[in-house]
Amino acid sequence: MADNLPLFENSELTRVQTRCEELEKKLRAGGRDAHSRIRMERKLILARAEQIRIELNLGFGRRRS
């Protein structure tokens, strides 16, 4: 499926997905104070929202009739 995506959106989606994975890994590792954790959680929320926006623009998640 990724082969059919336009180059820009495909690379942008990959970048955002990688960023989300990095943030999740850092959050799971722990060892941060509350303020740092909250900032990191906000960054993850924004990155996930961006990922969803890109996926919707590309037509992911739409029902096939």
PDB file of N, CA and C in Angstrom:
ATOM      1  N   MET A   1       0.822  -1.184   0.000  1.00  0.00           N
ATOM      2  CA  MET A   1       0.000   0.000   0.000  1.00  0.00           C
ATOM      3  C   MET A   1       0.867   1.249   0.000  1.00  0.00           C
ATOM      4  N   ALA A   2       1.963   1.234   0.737  1.00  0.00           N
ATOM      5  CA  ALA A   2       2.827   2.404   0.812  1.00  0.00           C
ATOM      6  C   ALA A   2       3.472   2.717  -0.541  1.00  0.00           C
ATOM      7  N   ASP A   3       3.552   1.738  -1.434  1.00  0.00           N
ATOM      8  CA  ASP A   3       4.152   1.961  -2.744  1.00  0.00           C
ATOM      9  C   ASP A   3       3.310   2.901  -3.601  1.00  0.00           C
ATOM     10  N   ASN A   4       2.017   2.958  -3.352  1.00  0.00           N
ATOM     11  CA  ASN A   4       1.114   3.768  -4.160  1.00  0.00           C
ATOM     12  C   ASN A   4       0.974   5.200  -3.660  1.00  0.00           C
ATOM     13  N   LEU A   5       1.596   5.523  -2.531  1.00  0.00           N
ATOM     14  CA  LEU A   5       1.461   6.857  -1.958  1.00  0.00           C
ATOM     15  C   LEU A   5       2.357   7.856  -2.672  1.00  0.00           C
ATOM     16  N   PRO A   6       1.924   9.096  -2.763  1.00  0.00           N
ATOM     17  CA  PRO A   6       2.815  10.133  -3.281  1.00  0.00           C
ATOM     18  C   PRO A   6       4.056  10.232  -2.393  1.00  0.00           C
ATOM     19  N   LEU A   7       5.171  10.559  -3.000  1.00  0.00           N
ATOM     20  CA  LEU A   7       6.445  10.551  -2.289  1.00  0.00           C
ATOM     21  C   LEU A   7       6.442  11.454  -1.065  1.00  0.00           C
ATOM     22  N   PHE A   8       5.935  12.668  -1.203  1.00  0.00           N
ATOM     23  CA  PHE A   8       5.955  13.595  -0.064  1.00  0.00           C
ATOM     24  C   PHE A   8       5.160  13.057   1.111  1.00  0.00           C
ATOM     25  N   GLU A   9       3.912  12.646   0.860  1.00  0.00           N
ATOM     26  CA  GLU A   9       3.077  12.169   1.951  1.00  0.00           C
ATOM     27  C   GLU A   9       3.644  10.901   2.563  1.00  0.00           C
ATOM     28  N   ASN A  10       4.209  10.031   1.746  1.00  0.00           N
ATOM     29  CA  ASN A  10       4.780   8.792   2.253  1.00  0.00           C
ATOM     30  C   ASN A  10       5.959   9.088   3.182  1.00  0.00           C
ATOM     31  N   SER A  11       6.845   9.968   2.773  1.00  0.00           N
ATOM     32  CA  SER A  11       8.003  10.290   3.607  1.00  0.00           C
ATOM     33  C   SER A  11       7.579  11.054   4.858  1.00  0.00           C
ATOM     34  N   GLU A  12       6.598  11.931   4.713  1.00  0.00           N
ATOM     35  CA  GLU A  12       6.090  12.694   5.864  1.00  0.00           C
ATOM     36  C   GLU A  12       5.418  11.761   6.867  1.00  0.00           C
ATOM     37  N   LEU A  13       4.618  10.822   6.374  1.00  0.00           N
ATOM     38  CA  LEU A  13       3.950   9.865   7.250  1.00  0.00           C
ATOM     39  C   LEU A  13       4.972   8.994   7.968  1.00  0.00           C
ATOM     40  N   THR A  14       5.983   8.558   7.262  1.00  0.00           N
ATOM     41  CA  THR A  14       7.043   7.745   7.866  1.00  0.00           C
ATOM     42  C   THR A  14       7.774   8.531   8.945  1.00  0.00           C
ATOM     43  N   ARG A  15       8.043   9.799   8.698  1.00  0.00           N
ATOM     44  CA  ARG A  15       8.732  10.645   9.674  1.00  0.00           C
ATOM     45  C   ARG A  15       7.892  10.804  10.938  1.00  0.00           C
ATOM     46  N   VAL A  16       6.602  11.041  10.770  1.00  0.00           N
ATOM     47  CA  VAL A  16       5.717  11.227  11.920  1.00  0.00           C
ATOM     48  C   VAL A  16       5.575   9.918  12.703  1.00  0.00           C
ATOM     49  N   GLN A  17       5.444   8.800  12.002  1.00  0.00           N
ATOM     50  CA  GLN A  17       5.341   7.514  12.681  1.00  0.00           C
ATOM     51  C   GLN A  17       6.604   7.208  13.474  1.00  0.00           C
ATOM     52  N   THR A  18       7.752   7.511  12.908  1.00  0.00           N
ATOM     53  CA  THR A  18       9.019   7.300  13.604  1.00  0.00           C
ATOM     54  C   THR A  18       9.099   8.169  14.852  1.00  0.00           C
ATOM     55  N   ARG A  19       8.661   9.419  14.739  1.00  0.00           N
ATOM     56  CA  ARG A  19       8.666  10.328  15.886  1.00  0.00           C
ATOM     57  C   ARG A  19       7.761   9.795  17.001  1.00  0.00           C
ATOM     58  N   CYS A  20       6.588   9.286  16.634  1.00  0.00           N
ATOM     59  CA  CYS A  20       5.676   8.722  17.627  1.00  0.00           C
ATOM     60  C   CYS A  20       6.301   7.527  18.333  1.00  0.00           C
ATOM     61  N   GLU A  21       6.939   6.665  17.573  1.00  0.00           N
ATOM     62  CA  GLU A  21       7.587   5.498  18.159  1.00  0.00           C
ATOM     63  C   GLU A  21       8.699   5.901  19.119  1.00  0.00           C
ATOM     64  N   GLU A  22       9.483   6.915  18.750  1.00  0.00           N
ATOM     65  CA  GLU A  22      10.560   7.391  19.626  1.00  0.00           C
ATOM     66  C   GLU A  22       9.998   7.947  20.932  1.00  0.00           C
ATOM     67  N   LEU A  23       8.941   8.748  20.833  1.00  0.00           N
ATOM     68  CA  LEU A  23       8.336   9.320  22.031  1.00  0.00           C
ATOM     69  C   LEU A  23       7.739   8.237  22.930  1.00  0.00           C
ATOM     70  N   GLU A  24       7.081   7.254  22.326  1.00  0.00           N
ATOM     71  CA  GLU A  24       6.516   6.159  23.112  1.00  0.00           C
ATOM     72  C   GLU A  24       7.616   5.393  23.846  1.00  0.00           C
ATOM     73  N   LYS A  25       8.720   5.152  23.163  1.00  0.00           N
ATOM     74  CA  LYS A  25       9.831   4.429  23.769  1.00  0.00           C
ATOM     75  C   LYS A  25      10.402   5.208  24.954  1.00  0.00           C
ATOM     76  N   LYS A  26      10.554   6.524  24.785  1.00  0.00           N
ATOM     77  CA  LYS A  26      11.077   7.358  25.866  1.00  0.00           C
ATOM     78  C   LYS A  26      10.113   7.388  27.053  1.00  0.00           C
ATOM     79  N   LEU A  27       8.816   7.451  26.766  1.00  0.00           N
ATOM     80  CA  LEU A  27       7.832   7.462  27.849  1.00  0.00           C
ATOM     81  C   LEU A  27       7.828   6.140  28.607  1.00  0.00           C
ATOM     82  N   ARG A  28       7.946   5.027  27.885  1.00  0.00           N
ATOM     83  CA  ARG A  28       7.985   3.718  28.536  1.00  0.00           C
ATOM     84  C   ARG A  28       9.220   3.561  29.406  1.00  0.00           C
ATOM     85  N   ALA A  29      10.332   4.161  28.980  1.00  0.00           N
ATOM     86  CA  ALA A  29      11.583   4.029  29.728  1.00  0.00           C
ATOM     87  C   ALA A  29      11.485   4.702  31.092  1.00  0.00           C
ATOM     88  N   GLY A  30      10.707   5.760  31.191  1.00  0.00           N
ATOM     89  CA  GLY A  30      10.514   6.446  32.469  1.00  0.00           C
ATOM     90  C   GLY A  30      11.744   7.240  32.874  1.00  0.00           C
ATOM     91  N   GLY A  31      11.872   7.479  34.175  1.00  0.00           N
ATOM     92  CA  GLY A  31      13.013   8.210  34.706  1.00  0.00           C
ATOM     93  C   GLY A  31      12.970   9.712  34.484  1.00  0.00           C
ATOM     94  N   ARG A  32      11.782  10.254  34.281  1.00  0.00           N
ATOM     95  CA  ARG A  32      11.652  11.684  34.053  1.00  0.00           C
ATOM     96  C   ARG A  32      10.739  12.293  35.116  1.00  0.00           C
ATOM     97  N   ASP A  33      10.934  13.576  35.360  1.00  0.00           N
ATOM     98  CA  ASP A  33      10.047  14.236  36.312  1.00  0.00           C
ATOM     99  C   ASP A  33       8.689  14.484  35.643  1.00  0.00           C
ATOM    100  N   ALA A  34       7.724  14.901  36.438  1.00  0.00           N
ATOM    101  CA  ALA A  34       6.346  15.046  35.962  1.00  0.00           C
ATOM    102  C   ALA A  34       6.226  16.058  34.826  1.00  0.00           C
ATOM    103  N   HIS A  35       6.940  17.172  34.937  1.00  0.00           N
ATOM    104  CA  HIS A  35       6.839  18.205  33.905  1.00  0.00           C
ATOM    105  C   HIS A  35       7.384  17.702  32.566  1.00  0.00           C
ATOM    106  N   SER A  36       8.495  17.011  32.601  1.00  0.00           N
ATOM    107  CA  SER A  36       9.074  16.471  31.365  1.00  0.00           C
ATOM    108  C   SER A  36       8.159  15.426  30.751  1.00  0.00           C
ATOM    109  N   ARG A  37       7.586  14.583  31.601  1.00  0.00           N
ATOM    110  CA  ARG A  37       6.678  13.549  31.104  1.00  0.00           C
ATOM    111  C   ARG A  37       5.437  14.176  30.459  1.00  0.00           C
ATOM    112  N   ILE A  38       4.890  15.201  31.089  1.00  0.00           N
ATOM    113  CA  ILE A  38       3.707  15.865  30.535  1.00  0.00           C
ATOM    114  C   ILE A  38       4.035  16.506  29.191  1.00  0.00           C
ATOM    115  N   ARG A  39       5.185  17.174  29.093  1.00  0.00           N
ATOM    116  CA  ARG A  39       5.598  17.773  27.816  1.00  0.00           C
ATOM    117  C   ARG A  39       5.745  16.705  26.740  1.00  0.00           C
ATOM    118  N   MET A  40       6.345  15.585  27.105  1.00  0.00           N
ATOM    119  CA  MET A  40       6.545  14.508  26.146  1.00  0.00           C
ATOM    120  C   MET A  40       5.207  13.894  25.720  1.00  0.00           C
ATOM    121  N   GLU A  41       4.270  13.764  26.664  1.00  0.00           N
ATOM    122  CA  GLU A  41       2.943  13.250  26.323  1.00  0.00           C
ATOM    123  C   GLU A  41       2.213  14.200  25.375  1.00  0.00           C
ATOM    124  N   ARG A  42       2.357  15.503  25.588  1.00  0.00           N
ATOM    125  CA  ARG A  42       1.735  16.486  24.683  1.00  0.00           C
ATOM    126  C   ARG A  42       2.329  16.387  23.285  1.00  0.00           C
ATOM    127  N   LYS A  43       3.643  16.218  23.208  1.00  0.00           N
ATOM    128  CA  LYS A  43       4.290  16.069  21.904  1.00  0.00           C
ATOM    129  C   LYS A  43       3.773  14.815  21.195  1.00  0.00           C
ATOM    130  N   LEU A  44       3.583  13.741  21.956  1.00  0.00           N
ATOM    131  CA  LEU A  44       3.070  12.501  21.376  1.00  0.00           C
ATOM    132  C   LEU A  44       1.645  12.695  20.871  1.00  0.00           C
ATOM    133  N   ILE A  45       0.822  13.385  21.645  1.00  0.00           N
ATOM    134  CA  ILE A  45      -0.557  13.651  21.218  1.00  0.00           C
ATOM    135  C   ILE A  45      -0.576  14.451  19.921  1.00  0.00           C
ATOM    136  N   LEU A  46       0.259  15.472  19.841  1.00  0.00           N
ATOM    137  CA  LEU A  46       0.311  16.287  18.617  1.00  0.00           C
ATOM    138  C   LEU A  46       0.843  15.482  17.435  1.00  0.00           C
ATOM    139  N   ALA A  47       1.824  14.636  17.672  1.00  0.00           N
ATOM    140  CA  ALA A  47       2.377  13.804  16.600  1.00  0.00           C
ATOM    141  C   ALA A  47       1.334  12.805  16.105  1.00  0.00           C
ATOM    142  N   ARG A  48       0.573  12.204  17.025  1.00  0.00           N
ATOM    143  CA  ARG A  48      -0.495  11.272  16.634  1.00  0.00           C
ATOM    144  C   ARG A  48      -1.574  11.999  15.836  1.00  0.00           C
ATOM    145  N   ALA A  49      -1.918  13.208  16.246  1.00  0.00           N
ATOM    146  CA  ALA A  49      -2.914  13.981  15.507  1.00  0.00           C
ATOM    147  C   ALA A  49      -2.428  14.276  14.092  1.00  0.00           C
ATOM    148  N   GLU A  50      -1.165  14.611  13.958  1.00  0.00           N
ATOM    149  CA  GLU A  50      -0.586  14.855  12.634  1.00  0.00           C
ATOM    150  C   GLU A  50      -0.614  13.575  11.790  1.00  0.00           C
ATOM    151  N   GLN A  51      -0.301  12.456  12.418  1.00  0.00           N
ATOM    152  CA  GLN A  51      -0.330  11.173  11.718  1.00  0.00           C
ATOM    153  C   GLN A  51      -1.737  10.863  11.218  1.00  0.00           C
ATOM    154  N   ILE A  52      -2.725  11.084  12.058  1.00  0.00           N
ATOM    155  CA  ILE A  52      -4.114  10.832  11.667  1.00  0.00           C
ATOM    156  C   ILE A  52      -4.527  11.756  10.536  1.00  0.00           C
ATOM    157  N   ARG A  53      -4.116  13.031  10.611  1.00  0.00           N
ATOM    158  CA  ARG A  53      -4.458  13.986   9.549  1.00  0.00           C
ATOM    159  C   ARG A  53      -3.888  13.537   8.206  1.00  0.00           C
ATOM    160  N   ILE A  54      -2.632  13.117   8.210  1.00  0.00           N
ATOM    161  CA  ILE A  54      -1.993  12.660   6.970  1.00  0.00           C
ATOM    162  C   ILE A  54      -2.690  11.416   6.444  1.00  0.00           C
ATOM    163  N   GLU A  55      -2.990  10.469   7.345  1.00  0.00           N
ATOM    164  CA  GLU A  55      -3.650   9.227   6.929  1.00  0.00           C
ATOM    165  C   GLU A  55      -5.029   9.513   6.341  1.00  0.00           C
ATOM    166  N   LEU A  56      -5.754  10.436   6.934  1.00  0.00           N
ATOM    167  CA  LEU A  56      -7.072  10.786   6.387  1.00  0.00           C
ATOM    168  C   LEU A  56      -6.949  11.450   5.022  1.00  0.00           C
ATOM    169  N   ASN A  57      -5.942  12.307   4.848  1.00  0.00           N
ATOM    170  CA  ASN A  57      -5.722  12.941   3.546  1.00  0.00           C
ATOM    171  C   ASN A  57      -5.385  11.915   2.483  1.00  0.00           C
ATOM    172  N   LEU A  58      -4.726  10.839   2.896  1.00  0.00           N
ATOM    173  CA  LEU A  58      -4.349   9.788   1.952  1.00  0.00           C
ATOM    174  C   LEU A  58      -5.459   8.767   1.748  1.00  0.00           C
ATOM    175  N   GLY A  59      -6.526   8.880   2.524  1.00  0.00           N
ATOM    176  CA  GLY A  59      -7.652   7.977   2.353  1.00  0.00           C
ATOM    177  C   GLY A  59      -7.568   6.722   3.203  1.00  0.00           C
ATOM    178  N   PHE A  60      -6.670   6.663   4.150  1.00  0.00           N
ATOM    179  CA  PHE A  60      -6.602   5.508   5.044  1.00  0.00           C
ATOM    180  C   PHE A  60      -7.790   5.551   5.981  1.00  0.00           C
ATOM    181  N   GLY A  61      -8.299   4.401   6.343  1.00  0.00           N
ATOM    182  CA  GLY A  61      -9.377   4.327   7.319  1.00  0.00           C
ATOM    183  C   GLY A  61     -10.758   4.545   6.759  1.00  0.00           C
ATOM    184  N   ARG A  62     -10.870   4.806   5.490  1.00  0.00           N
ATOM    185  CA  ARG A  62     -12.179   4.977   4.887  1.00  0.00           C
ATOM    186  C   ARG A  62     -12.742   3.605   4.536  1.00  0.00           C
ATOM    187  N   ARG A  63     -14.046   3.510   4.658  1.00  0.00           N
ATOM    188  CA  ARG A  63     -14.694   2.241   4.333  1.00  0.00           C
ATOM    189  C   ARG A  63     -14.707   2.045   2.824  1.00  0.00           C
ATOM    190  N   ARG A  64     -14.475   0.825   2.474  1.00  0.00           N
ATOM    191  CA  ARG A  64     -14.532   0.486   1.045  1.00  0.00           C
ATOM    192  C   ARG A  64     -15.911  -0.046   0.727  1.00  0.00           C
ATOM    193  N   SER A  65     -16.537   0.496  -0.287  1.00  0.00           N
ATOM    194  CA  SER A  65     -17.909   0.073  -0.651  1.00  0.00           C
ATOM    195  C   SER A  65     -17.857  -0.960  -1.732  1.00  0.00           C
TER     196      SER A  65
END
